[in-house]
C-alpha atoms as a PDB file:
ATOM      1  CA  MET A   1     -22.868 -22.571  -4.246  1.00  0.00           C
ATOM      2  CA  THR A   2     -19.723 -20.615  -5.106  1.00  0.00           C
ATOM      3  CA  GLY A   3     -18.094 -18.888  -2.122  1.00  0.00           C
ATOM      4  CA  ARG A   4     -17.068 -15.292  -1.831  1.00  0.00           C
ATOM      5  CA  ARG A   5     -13.469 -14.397  -2.632  1.00  0.00           C
ATOM      6  CA  LEU A   6     -10.931 -11.756  -1.588  1.00  0.00           C
ATOM      7  CA  VAL A   7      -7.870 -11.005  -3.713  1.00  0.00           C
ATOM      8  CA  LEU A   8      -5.120  -9.359  -1.633  1.00  0.00           C
ATOM      9  CA  LEU A   9      -2.701  -7.373  -3.809  1.00  0.00           C
ATOM     10  CA  ARG A  10       0.616  -5.950  -2.634  1.00  0.00           C
ATOM     11  CA  HIS A  11       1.546  -2.540  -4.031  1.00  0.00           C
ATOM     12  CA  GLY A  12       4.198  -2.046  -6.719  1.00  0.00           C
ATOM     13  CA  GLN A  13       7.860  -1.299  -6.129  1.00  0.00           C
ATOM     14  CA  THR A  14       9.096   1.943  -4.571  1.00  0.00           C
ATOM     15  CA  ALA A  15      12.604   3.399  -4.440  1.00  0.00           C
ATOM     16  CA  TRP A  16      12.735   2.406  -0.764  1.00  0.00           C
ATOM     17  CA  ASN A  17      11.874  -1.196  -1.669  1.00  0.00           C
ATOM     18  CA  LEU A  18      14.784  -1.164  -4.102  1.00  0.00           C
ATOM     19  CA  GLU A  19      17.132   0.338  -1.508  1.00  0.00           C
ATOM     20  CA  GLY A  20      15.978  -2.063   1.205  1.00  0.00           C
ATOM     21  CA  ARG A  21      14.613   0.717   3.435  1.00  0.00           C
ATOM     22  CA  ALA A  22      11.788   0.024   5.862  1.00  0.00           C
ATOM     23  CA  GLN A  23       8.743   2.023   4.797  1.00  0.00           C
ATOM     24  CA  GLY A  24       6.018   1.374   7.321  1.00  0.00           C
ATOM     25  CA  HIS A  25       3.620   4.320   7.330  1.00  0.00           C
ATOM     26  CA  THR A  26       6.009   6.658   5.479  1.00  0.00           C
ATOM     27  CA  ASP A  27       4.119   7.792   2.387  1.00  0.00           C
ATOM     28  CA  VAL A  28       6.523   6.712  -0.358  1.00  0.00           C
ATOM     29  CA  SER A  29       5.433   6.771  -4.023  1.00  0.00           C
ATOM     30  CA  LEU A  30       5.816   4.034  -6.618  1.00  0.00           C
ATOM     31  CA  ASP A  31       8.954   4.271  -8.725  1.00  0.00           C
ATOM     32  CA  GLU A  32       9.005   3.739 -12.482  1.00  0.00           C
ATOM     33  CA  THR A  33       9.254  -0.024 -12.079  1.00  0.00           C
ATOM     34  CA  GLY A  34       6.392  -0.010  -9.575  1.00  0.00           C
ATOM     35  CA  HIS A  35       4.128   1.792 -12.029  1.00  0.00           C
ATOM     36  CA  ALA A  36       5.052  -0.731 -14.738  1.00  0.00           C
ATOM     37  CA  GLN A  37       4.352  -3.636 -12.348  1.00  0.00           C
ATOM     38  CA  ALA A  38       0.931  -2.241 -11.455  1.00  0.00           C
ATOM     39  CA  ALA A  39       0.077  -1.625 -15.108  1.00  0.00           C
ATOM     40  CA  ALA A  40       1.082  -5.201 -15.983  1.00  0.00           C
ATOM     41  CA  ALA A  41      -0.793  -6.794 -13.071  1.00  0.00           C
ATOM     42  CA  ALA A  42      -4.037  -4.852 -13.501  1.00  0.00           C
ATOM     43  CA  PRO A  43      -5.392  -6.787 -16.528  1.00  0.00           C
ATOM     44  CA  TYR A  44      -4.888 -10.072 -14.650  1.00  0.00           C
ATOM     45  CA  LEU A  45      -6.757  -8.677 -11.649  1.00  0.00           C
ATOM     46  CA  GLY A  46      -9.467  -7.492 -14.020  1.00  0.00           C
ATOM     47  CA  GLY A  47      -9.998 -11.117 -15.008  1.00  0.00           C
ATOM     48  CA  TYR A  48     -11.381 -11.935 -11.551  1.00  0.00           C
ATOM     49  CA  GLY A  49     -14.602 -10.043 -12.273  1.00  0.00           C
ATOM     50  CA  ALA A  50     -14.392  -8.144  -8.989  1.00  0.00           C
ATOM     51  CA  VAL A  51     -17.367  -6.090  -7.813  1.00  0.00           C
ATOM     52  CA  ALA A  52     -15.531  -4.072  -5.135  1.00  0.00           C
ATOM     53  CA  LEU A  53     -12.078  -2.549  -4.686  1.00  0.00           C
ATOM     54  CA  TRP A  54     -10.478  -1.319  -1.481  1.00  0.00           C
ATOM     55  CA  SER A  55      -7.042   0.150  -0.791  1.00  0.00           C
ATOM     56  CA  SER A  56      -4.761   1.207   2.007  1.00  0.00           C
ATOM     57  CA  ASP A  57      -4.680   4.995   2.174  1.00  0.00           C
ATOM     58  CA  LEU A  58      -0.895   5.124   1.720  1.00  0.00           C
ATOM     59  CA  ARG A  59       0.211   6.580  -1.622  1.00  0.00           C
ATOM     60  CA  ARG A  60       1.990   3.489  -2.966  1.00  0.00           C
ATOM     61  CA  ALA A  61      -1.155   1.397  -2.476  1.00  0.00           C
ATOM     62  CA  ARG A  62      -3.484   4.071  -3.882  1.00  0.00           C
ATOM     63  CA  GLN A  63      -1.290   4.459  -6.963  1.00  0.00           C
ATOM     64  CA  THR A  64      -1.355   0.691  -7.497  1.00  0.00           C
ATOM     65  CA  ALA A  65      -5.124   0.651  -7.020  1.00  0.00           C
ATOM     66  CA  SER A  66      -5.511   3.321  -9.709  1.00  0.00           C
ATOM     67  CA  TYR A  67      -4.362   0.808 -12.333  1.00  0.00           C
ATOM     68  CA  VAL A  68      -6.838  -1.763 -11.039  1.00  0.00           C
ATOM     69  CA  GLU A  69      -9.538   0.908 -11.262  1.00  0.00           C
ATOM     70  CA  LEU A  70      -8.783   1.324 -14.968  1.00  0.00           C
ATOM     71  CA  ALA A  71      -8.882  -2.445 -15.551  1.00  0.00           C
ATOM     72  CA  THR A  72     -12.111  -3.055 -13.624  1.00  0.00           C
ATOM     73  CA  GLY A  73     -14.100   0.177 -13.853  1.00  0.00           C
ATOM     74  CA  LEU A  74     -14.322   0.164 -10.054  1.00  0.00           C
ATOM     75  CA  VAL A  75     -13.524   3.048  -7.718  1.00  0.00           C
ATOM     76  CA  ALA A  76     -11.203   2.172  -4.840  1.00  0.00           C
ATOM     77  CA  ARG A  77     -12.358   2.938  -1.308  1.00  0.00           C
ATOM     78  CA  THR A  78      -9.529   3.657   1.100  1.00  0.00           C
ATOM     79  CA  ASP A  79      -9.221   2.226   4.600  1.00  0.00           C
ATOM     80  CA  PRO A  80      -6.281   3.106   6.908  1.00  0.00           C
ATOM     81  CA  ARG A  81      -6.643  -0.269   8.618  1.00  0.00           C
ATOM     82  CA  LEU A  82      -5.113  -1.803   5.476  1.00  0.00           C
ATOM     83  CA  ARG A  83      -1.785  -0.032   6.036  1.00  0.00           C
ATOM     84  CA  GLU A  84       1.586  -1.715   6.397  1.00  0.00           C
ATOM     85  CA  PHE A  85       3.157  -2.274   9.806  1.00  0.00           C
ATOM     86  CA  ASP A  86       4.092   0.962  11.520  1.00  0.00           C
ATOM     87  CA  VAL A  87       7.828   0.319  11.912  1.00  0.00           C
ATOM     88  CA  GLY A  88       8.365   3.222  14.295  1.00  0.00           C
ATOM     89  CA  GLU A  89      11.926   4.510  14.530  1.00  0.00           C
ATOM     90  CA  ARG A  90      13.074   1.951  11.971  1.00  0.00           C
ATOM     91  CA  SER A  91      11.337   3.914   9.190  1.00  0.00           C
ATOM     92  CA  GLY A  92      13.756   4.865   6.410  1.00  0.00           C
ATOM     93  CA  LEU A  93      16.574   2.630   7.663  1.00  0.00           C
ATOM     94  CA  THR A  94      18.340   0.039   5.542  1.00  0.00           C
ATOM     95  CA  VAL A  95      18.955  -3.374   7.078  1.00  0.00           C
ATOM     96  CA  ALA A  96      22.570  -2.401   7.847  1.00  0.00           C
ATOM     97  CA  GLU A  97      21.437   0.831   9.504  1.00  0.00           C
ATOM     98  CA  PHE A  98      18.769  -1.078  11.430  1.00  0.00           C
ATOM     99  CA  ALA A  99      21.385  -3.542  12.709  1.00  0.00           C
ATOM    100  CA  ALA A 100      23.697  -0.749  13.801  1.00  0.00           C
ATOM    101  CA  ARG A 101      21.043   1.320  15.540  1.00  0.00           C
ATOM    102  CA  PHE A 102      18.900  -1.453  17.062  1.00  0.00           C
ATOM    103  CA  PRO A 103      21.095  -4.583  17.322  1.00  0.00           C
ATOM    104  CA  GLU A 104      18.797  -6.504  19.676  1.00  0.00           C
ATOM    105  CA  ALA A 105      15.698  -5.787  17.590  1.00  0.00           C
ATOM    106  CA  HIS A 106      17.640  -6.679  14.434  1.00  0.00           C
ATOM    107  CA  ALA A 107      18.627 -10.020  15.928  1.00  0.00           C
ATOM    108  CA  LEU A 108      14.976 -10.803  16.691  1.00  0.00           C
ATOM    109  CA  TRP A 109      13.941  -9.683  13.198  1.00  0.00           C
ATOM    110  CA  SER A 110      16.639 -11.886  11.663  1.00  0.00           C
ATOM    111  CA  ALA A 111      15.233 -14.806  13.664  1.00  0.00           C
ATOM    112  CA  GLY A 112      11.821 -14.306  12.048  1.00  0.00           C
ATOM    113  CA  HIS A 113      10.068 -11.789  14.300  1.00  0.00           C
ATOM    114  CA  VAL A 114       8.571  -9.197  11.942  1.00  0.00           C
ATOM    115  CA  THR A 115       8.769  -6.074  14.113  1.00  0.00           C
ATOM    116  CA  GLY A 116       7.414  -4.659  17.364  1.00  0.00           C
ATOM    117  CA  HIS A 117      10.816  -4.455  19.083  1.00  0.00           C
ATOM    118  CA  VAL A 118      11.640  -0.929  17.895  1.00  0.00           C
ATOM    119  CA  PRO A 119      10.281   2.184  19.649  1.00  0.00           C
ATOM    120  CA  GLY A 120       6.956   3.177  18.105  1.00  0.00           C
ATOM    121  CA  ALA A 121       6.586   0.006  16.033  1.00  0.00           C
ATOM    122  CA  GLU A 122       3.486  -2.158  15.809  1.00  0.00           C
ATOM    123  CA  SER A 123       3.604  -5.816  16.774  1.00  0.00           C
ATOM    124  CA  VAL A 124       2.202  -8.673  14.698  1.00  0.00           C
ATOM    125  CA  ALA A 125      -0.803  -8.769  17.036  1.00  0.00           C
ATOM    126  CA  ASP A 126      -1.382  -5.021  16.538  1.00  0.00           C
ATOM    127  CA  VAL A 127      -1.532  -5.404  12.759  1.00  0.00           C
ATOM    128  CA  GLN A 128      -3.718  -8.495  12.881  1.00  0.00           C
ATOM    129  CA  ALA A 129      -6.108  -6.723  15.269  1.00  0.00           C
ATOM    130  CA  ARG A 130      -6.871  -4.052  12.654  1.00  0.00           C
ATOM    131  CA  MET A 131      -6.410  -5.995   9.410  1.00  0.00           C
ATOM    132  CA  VAL A 132      -8.458  -9.107  10.160  1.00  0.00           C
ATOM    133  CA  PRO A 133     -11.677  -7.246  11.107  1.00  0.00           C
ATOM    134  CA  ALA A 134     -11.212  -4.960   8.097  1.00  0.00           C
ATOM    135  CA  LEU A 135     -11.018  -7.927   5.722  1.00  0.00           C
ATOM    136  CA  MET A 136     -13.941  -9.718   7.358  1.00  0.00           C
ATOM    137  CA  GLU A 137     -16.075  -6.573   6.978  1.00  0.00           C
ATOM    138  CA  LYS A 138     -15.169  -6.367   3.307  1.00  0.00           C
ATOM    139  CA  LEU A 139     -15.919 -10.042   2.749  1.00  0.00           C
ATOM    140  CA  ALA A 140     -19.316  -9.528   4.388  1.00  0.00           C
ATOM    141  CA  GLU A 141     -20.140  -6.818   1.816  1.00  0.00           C
ATOM    142  CA  LEU A 142     -19.859  -9.346  -0.999  1.00  0.00           C
ATOM    143  CA  GLY A 143     -22.702 -11.492  -2.242  1.00  0.00           C
ATOM    144  CA  THR A 144     -22.533 -15.215  -2.965  1.00  0.00           C
ATOM    145  CA  GLY A 145     -19.865 -15.924  -5.581  1.00  0.00           C
ATOM    146  CA  GLN A 146     -18.617 -12.330  -5.694  1.00  0.00           C
ATOM    147  CA  THR A 147     -14.996 -11.176  -5.584  1.00  0.00           C
ATOM    148  CA  GLY A 148     -13.408  -8.120  -3.986  1.00  0.00           C
ATOM    149  CA  ILE A 149      -9.853  -6.832  -4.413  1.00  0.00           C
ATOM    150  CA  VAL A 150      -7.868  -5.338  -1.539  1.00  0.00           C
ATOM    151  CA  VAL A 151      -4.653  -3.393  -2.230  1.00  0.00           C
ATOM    152  CA  SER A 152      -2.397  -3.489   0.802  1.00  0.00           C
ATOM    153  CA  HIS A 153       1.196  -4.217   1.854  1.00  0.00           C
ATOM    154  CA  GLY A 154       3.449  -7.259   1.931  1.00  0.00           C
ATOM    155  CA  ALA A 155       4.116  -7.902   5.611  1.00  0.00           C
ATOM    156  CA  ALA A 156       0.599  -6.872   6.624  1.00  0.00           C
ATOM    157  CA  ILE A 157      -0.934  -9.289   4.101  1.00  0.00           C
ATOM    158  CA  ASN A 158       1.417 -12.069   5.209  1.00  0.00           C
ATOM    159  CA  VAL A 159       0.639 -11.954   8.929  1.00  0.00           C
ATOM    160  CA  THR A 160      -3.061 -11.344   8.330  1.00  0.00           C
ATOM    161  CA  VAL A 161      -3.451 -14.360   6.059  1.00  0.00           C
ATOM    162  CA  GLN A 162      -1.670 -16.472   8.661  1.00  0.00           C
ATOM    163  CA  SER A 163      -4.013 -15.182  11.363  1.00  0.00           C
ATOM    164  CA  ILE A 164      -7.143 -15.887   9.312  1.00  0.00           C
ATOM    165  CA  LEU A 165      -5.937 -19.398   8.516  1.00  0.00           C
ATOM    166  CA  GLY A 166      -4.827 -20.117  12.061  1.00  0.00           C
ATOM    167  CA  VAL A 167      -1.170 -20.578  11.125  1.00  0.00           C
ATOM    168  CA  PRO A 168       1.047 -19.876  14.175  1.00  0.00           C
ATOM    169  CA  GLU A 169       3.435 -16.945  13.825  1.00  0.00           C
ATOM    170  CA  ASP A 170       6.423 -19.251  14.382  1.00  0.00           C
ATOM    171  CA  ALA A 171       5.114 -22.105  12.210  1.00  0.00           C
ATOM    172  CA  ASP A 172       7.703 -24.113  10.322  1.00  0.00           C
ATOM    173  CA  GLY A 173       7.300 -23.366   6.618  1.00  0.00           C
ATOM    174  CA  ASP A 174       5.157 -20.279   7.086  1.00  0.00           C
ATOM    175  CA  LEU A 175       4.262 -18.049   4.161  1.00  0.00           C
ATOM    176  CA  MET A 176       7.044 -16.551   2.071  1.00  0.00           C
ATOM    177  CA  PRO A 177       7.379 -12.782   1.591  1.00  0.00           C
ATOM    178  CA  MET A 178       5.117 -11.468  -1.144  1.00  0.00           C
ATOM    179  CA  GLU A 179       6.611  -9.857  -4.242  1.00  0.00           C
ATOM    180  CA  ASN A 180       5.685  -6.329  -5.305  1.00  0.00           C
ATOM    181  CA  CYS A 181       2.374  -6.576  -7.174  1.00  0.00           C
ATOM    182  CA  GLY A 182       2.011 -10.191  -6.086  1.00  0.00           C
ATOM    183  CA  TRP A 183      -1.378 -11.279  -4.823  1.00  0.00           C
ATOM    184  CA  ALA A 184      -3.048 -13.900  -2.663  1.00  0.00           C
ATOM    185  CA  THR A 185      -6.566 -15.287  -2.969  1.00  0.00           C
ATOM    186  CA  LEU A 186      -8.793 -16.254  -0.043  1.00  0.00           C
ATOM    187  CA  THR A 187     -11.842 -18.250  -1.117  1.00  0.00           C
ATOM    188  CA  GLU A 188     -14.849 -19.151   1.016  1.00  0.00           C
ATOM    189  CA  HIS A 189     -15.236 -22.909   1.359  1.00  0.00           C
ATOM    190  CA  ARG A 190     -18.681 -24.558   1.375  1.00  0.00           C
ATOM    191  CA  SER A 191     -18.281 -24.866   5.164  1.00  0.00           C
ATOM    192  CA  GLY A 192     -18.150 -21.064   5.390  1.00  0.00           C
ATOM    193  CA  ARG A 193     -14.461 -21.066   6.233  1.00  0.00           C
ATOM    194  CA  LEU A 194     -11.731 -19.393   4.211  1.00  0.00           C
ATOM    195  CA  ARG A 195      -9.169 -21.291   2.138  1.00  0.00           C
ATOM    196  CA  LEU A 196      -5.938 -19.943   0.697  1.00  0.00           C
ATOM    197  CA  SER A 197      -6.362 -20.824  -2.966  1.00  0.00           C
ATOM    198  CA  SER A 198      -3.292 -18.947  -4.243  1.00  0.00           C
ATOM    199  CA  TYR A 199      -0.390 -16.994  -2.778  1.00  0.00           C
ATOM    200  CA  ASN A 200       2.225 -14.668  -4.280  1.00  0.00           C
ATOM    201  CA  GLU A 201       0.712 -14.852  -7.747  1.00  0.00           C
ATOM    202  CA  THR A 202       2.342 -12.502 -10.240  1.00  0.00           C
ATOM    203  CA  VAL A 203       2.087 -11.775 -13.936  1.00  0.00           C
ATOM    204  CA  HIS A 204       4.799 -14.431 -14.306  1.00  0.00           C
ATOM    205  CA  THR A 205       2.546 -17.177 -12.939  1.00  0.00           C
ATOM    206  CA  GLY A 206      -0.558 -16.000 -14.795  1.00  0.00           C
ATOM    207  CA  LEU A 207      -4.150 -15.682 -13.681  1.00  0.00           C
ATOM    208  CA  LEU A 208      -4.921 -19.266 -12.654  1.00  0.00           C
ATOM    209  CA  PRO A 209      -3.873 -20.454  -9.170  1.00  0.00           C
ATOM    210  CA  PRO A 210      -0.612 -22.425  -9.398  1.00  0.00           C
ATOM    211  CA  GLU A 211      -0.483 -26.150  -8.753  1.00  0.00           C
ATOM    212  CA  GLY A 212       0.712 -27.163  -5.317  1.00  0.00           C
ATOM    213  CA  THR A 213      -0.583 -24.114  -3.444  1.00  0.00           C
ATOM    214  CA  PRO A 214      -0.606 -24.949   0.303  1.00  0.00           C
ATOM    215  CA  ASP A 215      -4.097 -26.014   1.368  1.00  0.00           C
ATOM    216  CA  PHE A 216      -4.550 -23.894   4.486  1.00  0.00           C
ATOM    217  CA  THR A 217      -8.109 -23.501   5.715  1.00  0.00           C
ATOM    218  CA  SER A 218      -9.292 -21.101   8.394  1.00  0.00           C
ATOM    219  CA  ASP A 219     -10.678 -22.447  11.642  1.00  0.00           C
ATOM    220  CA  ALA A 220     -12.881 -19.376  11.934  1.00  0.00           C
ATOM    221  CA  PRO A 221     -16.136 -18.793  10.039  1.00  0.00           C
ATOM    222  CA  SER A 222     -15.889 -16.095   7.382  1.00  0.00           C
ATOM    223  CA  GLY A 223     -19.121 -14.322   8.269  1.00  0.00           C
END
């Protein structure tokens, strides 16, 4: 029996990505490069034979999903639970501006704490509490052997995958940041648990999962 599969795609590049500005829930559009990235990635995503497509409701994710729609013939359904971290008062700030305005929070961020130390910002636990149930609901909609694609955001995907797989937030050698229009694949093992079968795939690595992908398996059933 072939397990169900979720492909988690990060949106394409925006001007704020290029400038190093924190986006969070600010509704920034793809830039020219981001549109080209999404157009290039879409045929690879089409090769997964997905039967369902979901997207964050933020514009940069919806624009990326529109290219996947063309490649798959699917219509994306939006879900606000798939949004990026709300970065609160850090929104729109470069790293230098963040350090100047919130030095203590910047020091924690530099030490590996994603966010949650800025007024109005979500914590890792906040994001996991909305993202994990959303992904489990979407997995449950799939039949045996079916694949769904979820278009979301880099940090949100990162911490959610770690939560699903039971990787501690402060684990040594935790998951790297995901590139724009990179994707991860969670595959249901015969035990019913989820396995990370690829991470940060891009058009440069091709469609097949790369050799040496970390073999993380969830401790929680996927149902």
